[in-house]
Amino acid sequence: MKTKQIKLNNRIMDYSNEIAVCGNENNFIKQIALELSSNGIFSYKDFFGNLIVSFSKNNKINENSIVFSAHVDEIGIQIQKVEDEKVYFRGIGTIKTQALNNNKVSINNLETTVFSHSKTLKDYEYNKLYIKKTKDEIFNIGDFGTFCSKAIFDNDLIKGKALDNRVGCAVLFELALYLHENDLEENIFVIFSVQEEIGARGIQHFSYLNKMKYFISLDATPVVPENNVLQSRGVCIKLSDGSSFADEVLFEAFKQIAENNKIPYQIEVNDLGLTESAFPPLFSQTKSLTISYPITDMHTNNSSVDINDVVDTYNLIVKCCKDRNYFL
């Protein structure tokens, strides 16, 4: 692998192994901030918990700013009821019961298995799932948990949990390093956002308080029959989804960047999910777009992403930052 592939691969795998369930992201945010600081990059948290990195001389977001965002949180579970021998929980985000049943989860660094009362399960029947509890195990109402699988690399595929959206976090971190190392203080901001999995609450808060010119969200997209994208075919430039339409200027600009630099890309149209780029245009005259990377078996303990699609994503946004003429 080339150097950039190795860096992105290692970072994605490290980030995938971290636990940062939606609503409980603070430790992972601290980890990112510490690593940014060790590389000489200043970051700060807003009131809601989003981590903001400024590449602007005055550190103020304004109507000419370009903002890149990726959410740090993952789907998971939260303890709801504790009995003598059984523990019940609710799901956080779109985590299906079938993905949890008979799989291991990690709660407070304790690995345990999810069981079911029923042989047949519908998608979100959490009341039919439970965790067996021994006398020595301590579970508290409100504790968070998620899959405890570890990431692996196999034939260009990274496999593991939380690739939605640790892939985006890794790409944004490498972008921040590039901007810092090349001294590109061009009114660019990088945001590691929180609570995306329950309605993009972190970016809603940010969008309400800040006016910007362009907002580009980096996020995963599922490889499923309802979507039109395929794995290993390049970065996805999203035209529309279940929550938003791309700004025409940004959409055409990113297509042009990809074509001029021979970056493999796919045009994405689907009727799925929610993306952070839906919100900034609701509060200001912001042009927004989502750039995504195809993920198989998303929101399971064994999702996968092609490292080549990830490199294509990184190359696309770096080219965007290097040549602003596409947006003039």
Protein backbone atom coordinates (compact mmCIF):
# COMPACT_ATOMS: atom_id res chain seq x y z
CA MET A 1 0.00 0.00 0.00
CA LYS A 2 1.02 3.60 -0.53
CA THR A 3 1.82 5.83 2.43
CA LYS A 4 -1.55 7.62 2.49
CA GLN A 5 -3.41 4.32 2.25
CA ILE A 6 -1.45 2.96 5.20
CA LYS A 7 -2.12 6.07 7.32
CA LEU A 8 -5.83 6.06 6.54
CA ASN A 9 -6.10 2.31 7.04
CA ASN A 10 -4.39 2.40 10.45
CA ARG A 11 -6.39 5.39 11.62
CA ILE A 12 -9.73 3.90 10.55
CA MET A 13 -8.96 0.63 12.31
CA ASP A 14 -7.89 2.44 15.49
CA TYR A 15 -11.00 4.64 15.42
CA SER A 16 -13.27 1.66 14.69
CA ASN A 17 -12.07 -0.05 17.86
CA GLU A 18 -12.94 2.96 20.03
CA ILE A 19 -16.31 3.05 21.78
CA ALA A 20 -18.23 6.30 21.37
CA VAL A 21 -21.96 5.57 21.36
CA CYS A 22 -24.23 8.44 20.43
CA GLY A 23 -24.69 10.57 23.55
CA ASN A 24 -21.46 9.28 25.11
CA GLU A 25 -18.79 10.58 22.72
CA ASN A 26 -16.75 12.75 25.07
CA ASN A 27 -13.79 10.40 25.62
CA PHE A 28 -13.32 9.87 21.90
CA ILE A 29 -13.60 13.63 21.29
CA LYS A 30 -10.88 14.15 23.92
CA GLN A 31 -8.69 11.58 22.18
CA ILE A 32 -9.00 13.35 18.83
CA ALA A 33 -8.33 16.75 20.42
CA LEU A 34 -5.23 15.41 22.18
CA GLU A 35 -3.83 13.96 18.97
CA LEU A 36 -4.54 17.19 17.11
CA SER A 37 -2.72 19.10 19.83
CA SER A 38 0.27 16.75 19.65
CA ASN A 39 0.54 17.71 15.98
CA GLY A 40 0.39 21.43 16.79
CA ILE A 41 -3.26 21.85 15.75
CA PHE A 42 -5.60 23.86 17.98
CA SER A 43 -9.20 22.68 18.48
CA TYR A 44 -12.04 23.60 20.80
CA LYS A 45 -15.42 22.23 21.84
CA ASP A 46 -18.65 24.14 21.46
CA PHE A 47 -21.45 24.05 24.04
CA PHE A 48 -23.04 20.94 22.51
CA GLY A 49 -19.80 18.94 22.43
CA ASN A 50 -18.79 19.26 18.77
CA LEU A 51 -15.02 19.51 18.28
CA ILE A 52 -14.09 22.40 15.98
CA VAL A 53 -10.74 22.86 14.22
CA SER A 54 -10.04 26.24 12.64
CA PHE A 55 -7.83 26.94 9.65
CA SER A 56 -8.64 30.63 9.60
CA LYS A 57 -6.53 33.54 10.78
CA ASN A 58 -9.24 34.94 13.04
CA ASN A 59 -10.77 31.55 14.03
CA LYS A 60 -14.26 32.88 13.31
CA ILE A 61 -16.75 31.13 11.06
CA ASN A 62 -18.28 33.60 8.65
CA GLU A 63 -20.33 33.77 5.47
CA ASN A 64 -17.26 32.93 3.36
CA SER A 65 -16.17 29.86 5.34
CA ILE A 66 -15.91 26.30 4.05
CA VAL A 67 -16.89 23.73 6.70
CA PHE A 68 -16.15 19.99 6.53
CA SER A 69 -17.94 17.75 9.01
CA ALA A 70 -17.93 14.09 10.11
CA HIS A 71 -19.82 12.68 13.07
CA VAL A 72 -17.91 10.71 15.69
CA ASP A 73 -20.80 8.81 17.27
CA GLU A 74 -21.88 5.24 16.60
CA ILE A 75 -25.08 3.29 17.11
CA GLY A 76 -25.37 1.26 20.30
CA ILE A 77 -27.48 0.37 23.31
CA GLN A 78 -28.28 1.90 26.69
CA ILE A 79 -29.23 -0.06 29.82
CA GLN A 80 -32.89 0.51 30.68
CA LYS A 81 -33.77 -2.06 33.36
CA VAL A 82 -31.64 -4.26 35.64
CA GLU A 83 -33.09 -7.40 37.22
CA ASP A 84 -31.41 -10.10 39.31
CA GLU A 85 -30.47 -12.28 36.33
CA LYS A 86 -31.35 -10.23 33.26
CA VAL A 87 -30.55 -6.79 31.90
CA TYR A 88 -32.77 -4.99 29.37
CA PHE A 89 -31.80 -2.12 27.10
CA ARG A 90 -32.96 0.28 24.42
CA GLY A 91 -31.35 0.84 21.05
CA ILE A 92 -29.64 4.10 20.14
CA GLY A 93 -29.82 4.87 16.45
CA THR A 94 -30.90 2.42 13.78
CA ILE A 95 -29.40 -0.74 15.26
CA LYS A 96 -31.52 -3.75 14.34
CA THR A 97 -32.34 -6.45 16.87
CA GLN A 98 -31.17 -9.15 14.44
CA ALA A 99 -27.70 -7.57 14.41
CA LEU A 100 -27.55 -7.71 18.21
CA ASN A 101 -29.03 -11.14 18.86
CA ASN A 102 -26.39 -13.78 19.77
CA ASN A 103 -23.61 -11.22 19.34
CA LYS A 104 -21.19 -9.86 21.90
CA VAL A 105 -21.43 -6.30 23.15
CA SER A 106 -19.13 -4.28 25.37
CA ILE A 107 -20.56 -2.42 28.38
CA ASN A 108 -18.13 -0.72 30.78
CA ASN A 109 -15.29 -2.80 29.28
CA LEU A 110 -17.23 -5.98 30.06
CA GLU A 111 -17.86 -8.29 27.11
CA THR A 112 -21.23 -10.00 27.28
CA THR A 113 -23.70 -11.67 24.92
CA VAL A 114 -27.17 -10.58 23.83
CA PHE A 115 -29.94 -13.21 23.90
CA SER A 116 -33.56 -13.26 22.75
CA HIS A 117 -36.85 -14.39 24.30
CA SER A 118 -38.20 -15.12 20.82
CA LYS A 119 -37.17 -17.19 17.80
CA THR A 120 -38.57 -14.54 15.46
CA LEU A 121 -37.51 -10.90 15.71
CA LYS A 122 -38.68 -7.78 13.96
CA ASP A 123 -36.18 -5.01 13.31
CA TYR A 124 -36.45 -2.96 16.50
CA GLU A 125 -38.06 -5.24 19.10
CA TYR A 126 -35.57 -4.50 21.86
CA ASN A 127 -38.05 -5.67 24.51
CA LYS A 128 -37.40 -9.24 23.28
CA LEU A 129 -33.66 -8.98 23.86
CA TYR A 130 -31.74 -9.25 27.11
CA ILE A 131 -28.30 -9.76 28.63
CA LYS A 132 -27.69 -12.48 31.24
CA LYS A 133 -26.37 -11.10 34.52
CA THR A 134 -24.26 -12.92 37.11
CA LYS A 135 -24.02 -11.88 40.77
CA ASP A 136 -20.56 -10.39 40.26
CA GLU A 137 -21.45 -8.28 37.20
CA ILE A 138 -22.50 -4.68 37.76
CA PHE A 139 -24.79 -2.95 35.28
CA ASN A 140 -26.28 0.47 35.91
CA ILE A 141 -29.31 2.08 34.33
CA GLY A 142 -28.00 4.47 31.70
CA ASP A 143 -24.79 2.57 30.88
CA PHE A 144 -23.88 2.58 27.19
CA GLY A 145 -22.75 -0.37 25.10
CA THR A 146 -22.00 -1.41 21.54
CA PHE A 147 -20.49 -4.23 19.48
CA CYS A 148 -17.09 -5.40 20.74
CA SER A 149 -15.63 -6.71 17.48
CA LYS A 150 -12.10 -5.61 16.52
CA ALA A 151 -11.24 -4.20 13.10
CA ILE A 152 -9.27 -6.27 10.62
CA PHE A 153 -7.81 -5.61 7.15
CA ASP A 154 -8.33 -8.15 4.38
CA ASN A 155 -7.78 -7.71 0.61
CA ASP A 156 -8.31 -3.92 0.54
CA LEU A 157 -11.31 -4.18 2.90
CA ILE A 158 -11.40 -2.80 6.42
CA LYS A 159 -13.93 -4.82 8.43
CA GLY A 160 -15.30 -3.92 11.84
CA LYS A 161 -17.88 -1.95 13.78
CA ALA A 162 -18.63 1.79 13.65
CA LEU A 163 -17.28 2.40 10.15
CA ASP A 164 -20.24 4.78 10.08
CA ASN A 165 -18.62 7.16 10.69
CA ARG A 166 -15.08 6.49 11.90
CA VAL A 167 -14.08 6.43 8.22
CA GLY A 168 -15.13 10.07 7.93
CA CYS A 169 -13.34 10.96 11.17
CA ALA A 170 -10.11 9.42 9.87
CA VAL A 171 -10.38 11.25 6.54
CA LEU A 172 -11.08 14.56 8.29
CA PHE A 173 -8.16 14.08 10.65
CA GLU A 174 -5.81 13.47 7.73
CA LEU A 175 -7.28 16.54 6.01
CA ALA A 176 -6.56 18.60 9.15
CA LEU A 177 -2.94 17.39 9.10
CA TYR A 178 -2.64 18.31 5.42
CA LEU A 179 -4.06 21.80 5.95
CA HIS A 180 -1.74 22.37 8.91
CA GLU A 181 1.39 21.02 7.24
CA ASN A 182 0.76 23.10 4.11
CA ASP A 183 -0.19 26.23 6.06
CA LEU A 184 -3.53 26.57 4.26
CA GLU A 185 -5.28 29.15 6.43
CA GLU A 186 -8.01 29.63 3.87
CA ASN A 187 -11.09 30.11 6.07
CA ILE A 188 -11.60 26.35 6.34
CA PHE A 189 -13.09 24.63 9.38
CA VAL A 190 -13.20 20.95 10.32
CA ILE A 191 -15.89 19.68 12.68
CA PHE A 192 -16.06 16.36 14.50
CA SER A 193 -19.75 16.39 15.37
CA VAL A 194 -21.82 14.50 17.95
CA GLN A 195 -25.23 12.83 18.24
CA GLU A 196 -25.76 12.35 14.51
CA GLU A 197 -27.36 8.94 14.98
CA ILE A 198 -30.43 10.39 16.71
CA GLY A 199 -31.17 13.25 14.34
CA ALA A 200 -27.87 15.05 13.74
CA ARG A 201 -28.39 17.10 16.91
CA GLY A 202 -24.78 18.30 17.11
CA ILE A 203 -24.77 19.77 13.63
CA GLN A 204 -28.25 21.23 14.12
CA HIS A 205 -26.87 23.16 17.08
CA PHE A 206 -23.84 24.27 15.08
CA SER A 207 -25.94 25.30 12.07
CA TYR A 208 -28.27 27.41 14.20
CA LEU A 209 -25.35 29.42 15.62
CA ASN A 210 -23.11 29.78 12.54
CA LYS A 211 -23.47 31.13 9.03
CA MET A 212 -21.12 29.70 6.42
CA LYS A 213 -20.78 29.63 2.65
CA TYR A 214 -20.24 25.92 2.05
CA PHE A 215 -20.91 22.87 4.20
CA ILE A 216 -19.58 19.46 3.14
CA SER A 217 -20.53 16.42 5.19
CA LEU A 218 -18.47 13.23 5.06
CA ASP A 219 -20.55 10.19 5.92
CA ALA A 220 -21.06 6.51 5.20
CA THR A 221 -23.65 5.23 2.75
CA PRO A 222 -25.01 1.66 2.80
CA VAL A 223 -24.57 -0.82 -0.04
CA VAL A 224 -28.15 -2.16 -0.18
CA PRO A 225 -30.74 -2.80 -2.90
CA GLU A 226 -32.44 0.52 -2.07
CA ASN A 227 -29.24 2.44 -2.89
CA ASN A 228 -27.55 2.83 -6.27
CA VAL A 229 -23.89 2.77 -5.20
CA LEU A 230 -21.41 -0.09 -5.16
CA GLN A 231 -18.33 -0.84 -3.12
CA SER A 232 -14.91 -0.46 -4.78
CA ARG A 233 -16.28 1.89 -7.46
CA GLY A 234 -15.05 5.17 -5.98
CA VAL A 235 -16.19 8.01 -3.75
CA CYS A 236 -19.89 8.93 -3.83
CA ILE A 237 -21.07 12.47 -4.60
CA LYS A 238 -24.60 12.58 -3.24
CA LEU A 239 -27.28 14.26 -5.32
CA SER A 240 -30.16 13.46 -2.98
CA ASP A 241 -31.34 11.24 -0.14
CA GLY A 242 -34.25 10.94 2.27
CA SER A 243 -33.48 14.25 3.99
CA SER A 244 -31.80 16.60 1.51
CA PHE A 245 -30.88 17.66 -2.01
CA ALA A 246 -27.36 18.70 -2.92
CA ASP A 247 -26.67 22.28 -3.85
CA GLU A 248 -26.30 22.33 -7.64
CA VAL A 249 -23.17 24.52 -7.61
CA LEU A 250 -21.35 22.29 -5.13
CA PHE A 251 -22.50 19.11 -6.82
CA GLU A 252 -21.21 20.20 -10.23
CA ALA A 253 -17.99 21.55 -8.69
CA PHE A 254 -17.15 18.26 -7.01
CA LYS A 255 -17.96 16.31 -10.16
CA GLN A 256 -15.59 18.59 -12.06
CA ILE A 257 -12.84 18.17 -9.46
CA ALA A 258 -13.16 14.38 -9.66
CA GLU A 259 -13.15 14.30 -13.45
CA ASN A 260 -10.28 16.77 -13.86
CA ASN A 261 -8.13 14.79 -11.40
CA LYS A 262 -9.22 11.34 -12.59
CA ILE A 263 -10.69 10.42 -9.21
CA PRO A 264 -13.18 7.52 -9.50
CA TYR A 265 -16.62 8.63 -8.36
CA GLN A 266 -20.27 7.61 -8.31
CA ILE A 267 -23.38 9.80 -8.33
CA GLU A 268 -25.56 8.78 -5.40
CA VAL A 269 -29.35 9.01 -5.29
CA ASN A 270 -31.31 7.20 -2.60
CA ASP A 271 -34.30 7.50 -0.30
CA LEU A 272 -32.46 6.49 2.84
CA GLY A 273 -31.55 8.06 6.14
CA LEU A 274 -30.54 11.47 7.34
CA THR A 275 -27.45 13.49 6.49
CA GLU A 276 -25.94 16.45 8.33
CA SER A 277 -25.87 18.53 5.14
CA ALA A 278 -29.67 18.81 5.39
CA PHE A 279 -29.48 21.39 8.20
CA PRO A 280 -27.14 24.35 7.45
CA PRO A 281 -29.30 25.61 4.52
CA LEU A 282 -32.30 25.76 6.86
CA PHE A 283 -30.68 28.45 9.00
CA SER A 284 -28.59 30.47 6.52
CA GLN A 285 -27.77 30.79 2.83
CA THR A 286 -25.37 27.86 3.00
CA LYS A 287 -24.65 25.62 0.03
CA SER A 288 -24.34 22.04 1.25
CA LEU A 289 -23.35 18.62 -0.05
CA THR A 290 -22.61 15.12 1.24
CA ILE A 291 -19.58 13.11 0.16
CA SER A 292 -19.83 9.44 1.08
CA TYR A 293 -18.13 6.06 0.88
CA PRO A 294 -19.96 2.75 0.37
CA ILE A 295 -20.24 0.49 3.43
CA THR A 296 -21.51 -3.09 3.38
CA ASP A 297 -23.44 -4.50 6.37
CA MET A 298 -23.62 -1.04 7.90
CA HIS A 299 -24.60 -0.80 11.59
CA THR A 300 -23.42 -4.34 12.34
CA ASN A 301 -20.34 -5.81 14.01
CA ASN A 302 -18.85 -6.70 10.62
CA SER A 303 -19.33 -3.79 8.25
CA SER A 304 -16.71 -3.18 5.57
CA VAL A 305 -15.22 -0.37 3.49
CA ASP A 306 -12.76 -0.49 0.59
CA ILE A 307 -9.58 1.47 1.42
CA ASN A 308 -9.43 2.62 -2.21
CA ASP A 309 -12.85 4.29 -1.90
CA VAL A 310 -11.54 6.01 1.24
CA VAL A 311 -8.41 7.28 -0.54
CA ASP A 312 -10.62 8.59 -3.36
CA THR A 313 -12.64 10.48 -0.75
CA TYR A 314 -9.52 11.99 0.80
CA ASN A 315 -8.09 12.99 -2.59
CA LEU A 316 -11.36 14.66 -3.59
CA ILE A 317 -11.61 16.92 -0.55
CA VAL A 318 -7.90 17.76 -0.62
CA LYS A 319 -8.24 18.88 -4.25
CA CYS A 320 -11.22 20.95 -3.19
CA CYS A 321 -9.12 22.77 -0.57
CA LYS A 322 -6.15 23.27 -2.91
CA ASP A 323 -8.16 24.83 -5.75
CA ARG A 324 -10.95 27.13 -4.67
CA ASN A 325 -11.56 28.35 -8.25
CA TYR A 326 -14.15 25.61 -8.68
CA PHE A 327 -16.46 27.50 -6.30
CA LEU A 328 -15.98 31.05 -7.54
